[in-house]
Protein backbone atom coordinates (compact mmCIF):
# COMPACT_ATOMS: atom_id res chain seq x y z
CA MET A 1 11.56 -20.31 3.83
CA LEU A 2 11.98 -16.67 2.61
CA LEU A 3 9.16 -14.25 3.26
CA THR A 4 9.33 -11.77 0.91
CA ILE A 5 6.87 -8.36 1.39
CA ASP A 6 6.15 -5.86 -1.22
CA ILE A 7 4.60 -2.63 0.77
CA GLY A 8 3.11 -0.51 -1.83
CA ASN A 9 1.02 2.94 -1.03
CA THR A 10 -2.49 0.75 -1.24
CA THR A 11 -1.65 -2.96 -1.18
CA ILE A 12 0.79 -5.11 0.47
CA PHE A 13 1.73 -8.25 -1.58
CA PHE A 14 3.72 -10.82 0.24
CA GLY A 15 4.45 -14.58 -0.28
CA VAL A 16 6.75 -17.75 0.80
CA TYR A 17 9.31 -18.83 -1.14
CA ASP A 18 10.69 -22.65 -0.68
CA GLY A 19 14.51 -22.14 -2.95
CA ASP A 20 12.85 -20.64 -6.41
CA GLU A 21 9.30 -22.19 -5.57
CA LEU A 22 6.55 -19.53 -4.41
CA LYS A 23 4.45 -21.53 -1.96
CA CYS A 24 2.04 -19.14 -1.27
CA HIS A 25 1.09 -15.43 -1.40
CA PHE A 26 -1.37 -13.05 0.09
CA LYS A 27 -2.69 -9.43 -0.59
CA MET A 28 -4.16 -6.74 2.23
CA ALA A 29 -5.12 -3.22 2.14
CA THR A 30 -2.06 -0.99 3.33
CA ALA A 31 -3.15 0.75 6.72
CA LYS A 32 -0.62 3.33 7.83
CA GLY A 33 -2.07 3.08 11.19
CA LYS A 34 -1.50 -0.13 12.13
CA THR A 35 0.83 -1.35 14.75
CA ALA A 36 3.35 -4.17 14.28
CA ASN A 37 1.55 -6.51 16.44
CA GLU A 38 -1.75 -5.81 14.74
CA TYR A 39 0.56 -6.67 11.20
CA GLY A 40 1.90 -9.70 13.31
CA GLU A 41 -1.17 -11.29 13.87
CA ASP A 42 -2.40 -10.56 10.56
CA PHE A 43 0.77 -12.54 9.03
CA SER A 44 0.48 -14.94 11.69
CA ASN A 45 -3.04 -15.87 10.60
CA LEU A 46 -2.13 -16.22 6.99
CA LEU A 47 0.93 -17.62 7.14
CA GLY A 48 0.57 -20.40 9.80
CA ASP A 49 3.76 -21.97 11.38
CA LYS A 50 5.95 -19.17 11.75
CA SER A 51 8.94 -21.43 12.40
CA LYS A 52 9.48 -22.38 8.87
CA ILE A 53 10.24 -18.55 7.93
CA SER A 54 14.09 -18.53 8.33
CA ALA A 55 14.65 -14.98 6.25
CA ALA A 56 12.82 -11.77 5.29
CA ILE A 57 13.67 -9.28 2.72
CA ILE A 58 10.88 -6.21 2.19
CA ALA A 59 10.37 -3.57 -0.45
CA CYS A 60 8.78 -0.65 0.87
CA VAL A 61 7.56 2.78 -0.55
CA VAL A 62 5.61 3.54 2.63
CA PRO A 63 8.56 5.15 5.18
CA SER A 64 6.11 5.06 8.15
CA LEU A 65 5.83 1.20 7.83
CA THR A 66 9.46 0.57 7.60
CA SER A 67 9.80 0.61 11.16
CA VAL A 68 6.76 -0.97 11.93
CA PHE A 69 7.38 -4.17 10.02
CA ASN A 70 10.96 -4.17 11.42
CA GLN A 71 9.45 -4.50 14.45
CA MET A 72 6.55 -7.18 13.53
CA ILE A 73 9.51 -9.44 11.79
CA LYS A 74 11.73 -9.30 15.12
CA ASP A 75 8.62 -9.88 17.36
CA TYR A 76 6.63 -12.64 14.95
CA PHE A 77 9.51 -14.59 13.45
CA ASP A 78 12.50 -13.90 15.65
CA ILE A 79 14.43 -12.97 12.62
CA GLU A 80 15.96 -9.87 11.22
CA SER A 81 14.53 -8.23 7.98
CA ARG A 82 16.60 -7.24 4.85
CA PHE A 83 14.93 -3.94 3.65
CA VAL A 84 15.93 -3.39 -0.46
CA GLU A 85 17.25 0.09 -0.83
CA GLY A 86 18.33 1.27 -4.29
CA THR A 87 21.80 2.46 -3.36
CA LYS A 88 22.64 -0.56 -1.86
CA VAL A 89 21.55 -2.80 -4.56
CA ARG A 90 24.22 -4.40 -6.58
CA PHE A 91 22.56 -3.41 -9.85
CA PRO A 92 23.84 -0.12 -11.37
CA ILE A 93 21.51 2.49 -11.52
CA LEU A 94 21.97 5.58 -13.98
CA TYR A 95 19.50 8.10 -11.92
CA ASP A 96 20.79 11.34 -11.33
CA ASN A 97 19.97 10.57 -7.52
CA PRO A 98 19.78 6.82 -7.10
CA SER A 99 18.12 7.21 -3.53
CA GLU A 100 14.94 8.64 -5.45
CA VAL A 101 14.26 5.49 -7.04
CA GLY A 102 11.55 3.32 -5.36
CA ALA A 103 12.46 0.15 -4.11
CA ASP A 104 9.65 -1.52 -5.80
CA ARG A 105 10.74 -0.11 -9.03
CA ILE A 106 14.67 -1.44 -8.42
CA VAL A 107 13.37 -4.67 -7.64
CA ASN A 108 11.16 -4.99 -10.77
CA ALA A 109 14.07 -4.06 -12.69
CA VAL A 110 16.50 -7.01 -11.35
CA ALA A 111 13.51 -9.19 -11.82
CA ALA A 112 12.87 -8.36 -15.41
CA TYR A 113 16.74 -8.54 -16.18
CA ARG A 114 17.25 -11.78 -14.39
CA LEU A 115 14.21 -13.60 -15.89
CA TYR A 116 13.82 -12.43 -19.19
CA GLY A 117 17.28 -10.42 -20.26
CA GLY A 118 17.57 -6.91 -21.23
CA PRO A 119 17.00 -4.35 -22.92
CA ALA A 120 13.47 -4.42 -21.17
CA ILE A 121 10.68 -2.17 -20.19
CA VAL A 122 8.57 -2.96 -17.05
CA VAL A 123 5.22 -1.57 -16.53
CA ASP A 124 3.78 -1.69 -13.04
CA PHE A 125 0.22 -0.99 -12.40
CA GLY A 126 0.21 -0.05 -9.08
CA THR A 127 -0.96 3.10 -7.12
CA ALA A 128 1.21 5.28 -9.67
CA THR A 129 1.79 3.27 -13.13
CA THR A 130 5.45 3.41 -13.62
CA PHE A 131 7.56 2.40 -16.51
CA ASP A 132 11.29 1.25 -15.73
CA VAL A 133 13.64 0.70 -18.39
CA ILE A 134 16.81 -1.32 -18.16
CA SER A 135 19.56 -1.56 -20.60
CA GLY A 136 21.07 -4.99 -22.27
CA LYS A 137 23.98 -4.64 -20.03
CA GLY A 138 21.46 -4.70 -16.88
CA GLU A 139 21.61 -1.04 -16.01
CA TYR A 140 18.81 0.78 -14.61
CA LEU A 141 18.34 3.74 -17.35
CA GLY A 142 15.26 5.65 -15.65
CA GLY A 143 11.56 5.45 -16.56
CA ALA A 144 8.16 7.47 -16.21
CA ILE A 145 5.80 7.51 -13.55
CA ALA A 146 1.94 8.44 -14.35
CA PRO A 147 -1.35 8.48 -12.14
CA GLY A 148 -2.56 4.96 -11.39
CA ILE A 149 -5.98 3.81 -12.79
CA GLY A 150 -7.37 3.72 -9.37
CA ILE A 151 -6.22 7.37 -8.56
CA CYS A 152 -7.87 8.52 -11.69
CA VAL A 153 -11.38 6.78 -11.35
CA GLU A 154 -11.48 7.86 -7.72
CA ALA A 155 -10.80 11.43 -8.82
CA LEU A 156 -13.21 11.41 -11.47
CA TRP A 157 -15.68 9.81 -8.74
CA THR A 158 -14.91 12.48 -5.91
CA LYS A 159 -14.33 15.87 -8.02
CA THR A 160 -17.77 15.56 -10.27
CA ALA A 161 -21.10 15.84 -8.96
CA LEU A 162 -22.61 13.64 -11.33
CA LEU A 163 -20.03 11.12 -12.57
CA PRO A 164 -20.63 7.68 -10.63
CA LYS A 165 -17.66 5.33 -9.34
CA VAL A 166 -17.23 2.54 -12.03
CA GLU A 167 -15.56 -0.90 -12.12
CA VAL A 168 -12.55 -0.85 -14.57
CA VAL A 169 -13.08 -3.23 -17.22
CA LYS A 170 -12.54 -3.50 -20.95
CA PRO A 171 -15.98 -2.12 -22.49
CA LYS A 172 -17.50 -3.73 -25.59
CA THR A 173 -17.43 -0.48 -27.68
CA VAL A 174 -15.22 2.45 -27.22
CA ILE A 175 -18.52 4.54 -27.90
CA GLY A 176 -20.49 4.47 -24.49
CA LYS A 177 -24.07 4.43 -24.62
CA ASN A 178 -24.72 5.18 -21.03
CA THR A 179 -22.39 7.28 -18.43
CA VAL A 180 -21.02 3.86 -16.88
CA GLU A 181 -20.11 2.86 -20.45
CA SER A 182 -18.31 5.94 -21.26
CA ILE A 183 -16.42 6.56 -18.09
CA GLN A 184 -15.05 2.59 -18.71
CA ALA A 185 -14.34 3.58 -22.23
CA GLY A 186 -11.94 6.24 -21.56
CA ILE A 187 -10.66 5.04 -18.59
CA PHE A 188 -9.69 2.00 -20.24
CA TYR A 189 -8.67 2.90 -24.11
CA GLY A 190 -7.11 6.20 -22.04
CA PHE A 191 -4.68 4.10 -20.17
CA VAL A 192 -4.10 1.74 -22.91
CA GLY A 193 -2.95 4.71 -25.29
CA GLN A 194 -1.25 6.29 -22.94
CA VAL A 195 0.94 2.90 -21.95
CA ASP A 196 1.43 2.42 -25.49
CA GLU A 197 2.46 5.93 -26.23
CA ILE A 198 5.14 5.93 -23.69
CA ILE A 199 6.75 2.72 -24.68
CA THR A 200 6.63 3.86 -28.17
CA LYS A 201 8.58 6.89 -26.90
CA ILE A 202 11.10 4.93 -24.79
CA LYS A 203 11.41 2.22 -27.73
CA GLU A 204 12.48 5.58 -29.74
CA GLU A 205 15.21 7.05 -27.57
CA LEU A 206 16.47 3.19 -27.29
CA HIS A 207 16.51 2.52 -31.05
CA ILE A 208 16.59 -1.20 -30.22
CA GLU A 209 13.31 -3.35 -29.71
CA PRO A 210 13.01 -4.16 -25.68
CA LYS A 211 10.90 -6.93 -24.16
CA VAL A 212 8.30 -5.43 -22.34
CA VAL A 213 7.28 -6.65 -19.03
CA ALA A 214 3.71 -6.04 -17.33
CA THR A 215 2.98 -6.50 -13.68
CA GLY A 216 0.29 -5.27 -10.76
CA GLY A 217 -3.17 -5.41 -10.37
CA LEU A 218 -4.67 -4.38 -13.90
CA ALA A 219 -1.69 -5.53 -15.62
CA GLU A 220 -3.62 -8.41 -17.56
CA LEU A 221 -6.88 -5.89 -18.25
CA ILE A 222 -4.57 -3.44 -19.84
CA SER A 223 -2.16 -5.56 -21.62
CA SER A 224 -5.30 -7.36 -23.81
CA GLU A 225 -5.34 -4.40 -25.73
CA SER A 226 -1.57 -3.10 -25.72
CA ARG A 227 0.31 -3.15 -28.77
CA TYR A 228 3.56 -3.55 -27.28
CA ILE A 229 2.91 -5.55 -23.83
CA GLN A 230 4.67 -8.94 -24.26
CA LEU A 231 4.90 -10.70 -21.06
CA ILE A 232 2.86 -10.65 -17.54
CA ASN A 233 4.34 -11.78 -14.44
CA PRO A 234 2.06 -10.78 -11.56
CA PHE A 235 4.76 -11.84 -8.96
CA LEU A 236 7.58 -10.02 -11.03
CA THR A 237 8.02 -8.07 -7.47
CA LEU A 238 8.22 -10.91 -5.33
CA GLU A 239 10.58 -13.04 -7.67
CA GLY A 240 12.70 -9.82 -7.63
CA LEU A 241 13.07 -9.87 -3.57
CA ARG A 242 13.89 -13.60 -3.85
CA ILE A 243 16.40 -12.93 -6.70
CA ILE A 244 18.39 -10.13 -4.44
CA TYR A 245 18.28 -12.22 -1.42
CA GLN A 246 19.22 -15.70 -2.90
CA GLU A 247 21.91 -13.78 -5.45
CA GLY A 248 23.47 -11.46 -2.41
CA LEU A 249 22.71 -8.57 -4.76
CA SER A 250 22.20 -6.33 -1.51
CA SER A 251 24.85 -5.10 0.50
CA GLU A 252 22.59 -4.67 3.68
């Protein structure tokens, strides 16, 4: 079975595939100070029988954890892990410097194109909100990066004296009747507007109608009000890792 791991700045999302079928999946908080042994114990407790894992592929945007997870996979699963790097994935990257593109963004682009075709836009609601654009020929064209919803909520809470930290939900109305409702309205509708405006500008530059795919923690919430998001796939990154491994798209 194939172990797929997406190491983000806030969350580590991983799952096990048997062929094309995702058998199980888990999330845990990213802890940069954890050792290989500590992560190994976490993974072992969640996954159970380690002998079933025969291969591992990882997308990591936290450089300090690359060696940690490389060691953990060796020690606990007795296999060599494969790390996705944009410059080593056989997927055309039309970026000024392809090595600057995060592994997760390339993985999402591969998944979107293989699963839904192109042209496409992937909106990933993670620590940052990223917009990745794929051409009809399967080329990574570039995209946009904005602060994530969680970052903005945290900043509003920590940088103001009187505003509370709130849960991100869709408010009943845009005109809040108290401070919590007002913050929720500003955050929710502000991000919906940001997403739709960036997609509008991308569509204007492409001069065509792309498919728009959302993934990440708050994809379903924001998509409920977006005019453009057509597809939601919470497992898009894991699917991309599976596809890259199975199709031999990585030269590593």
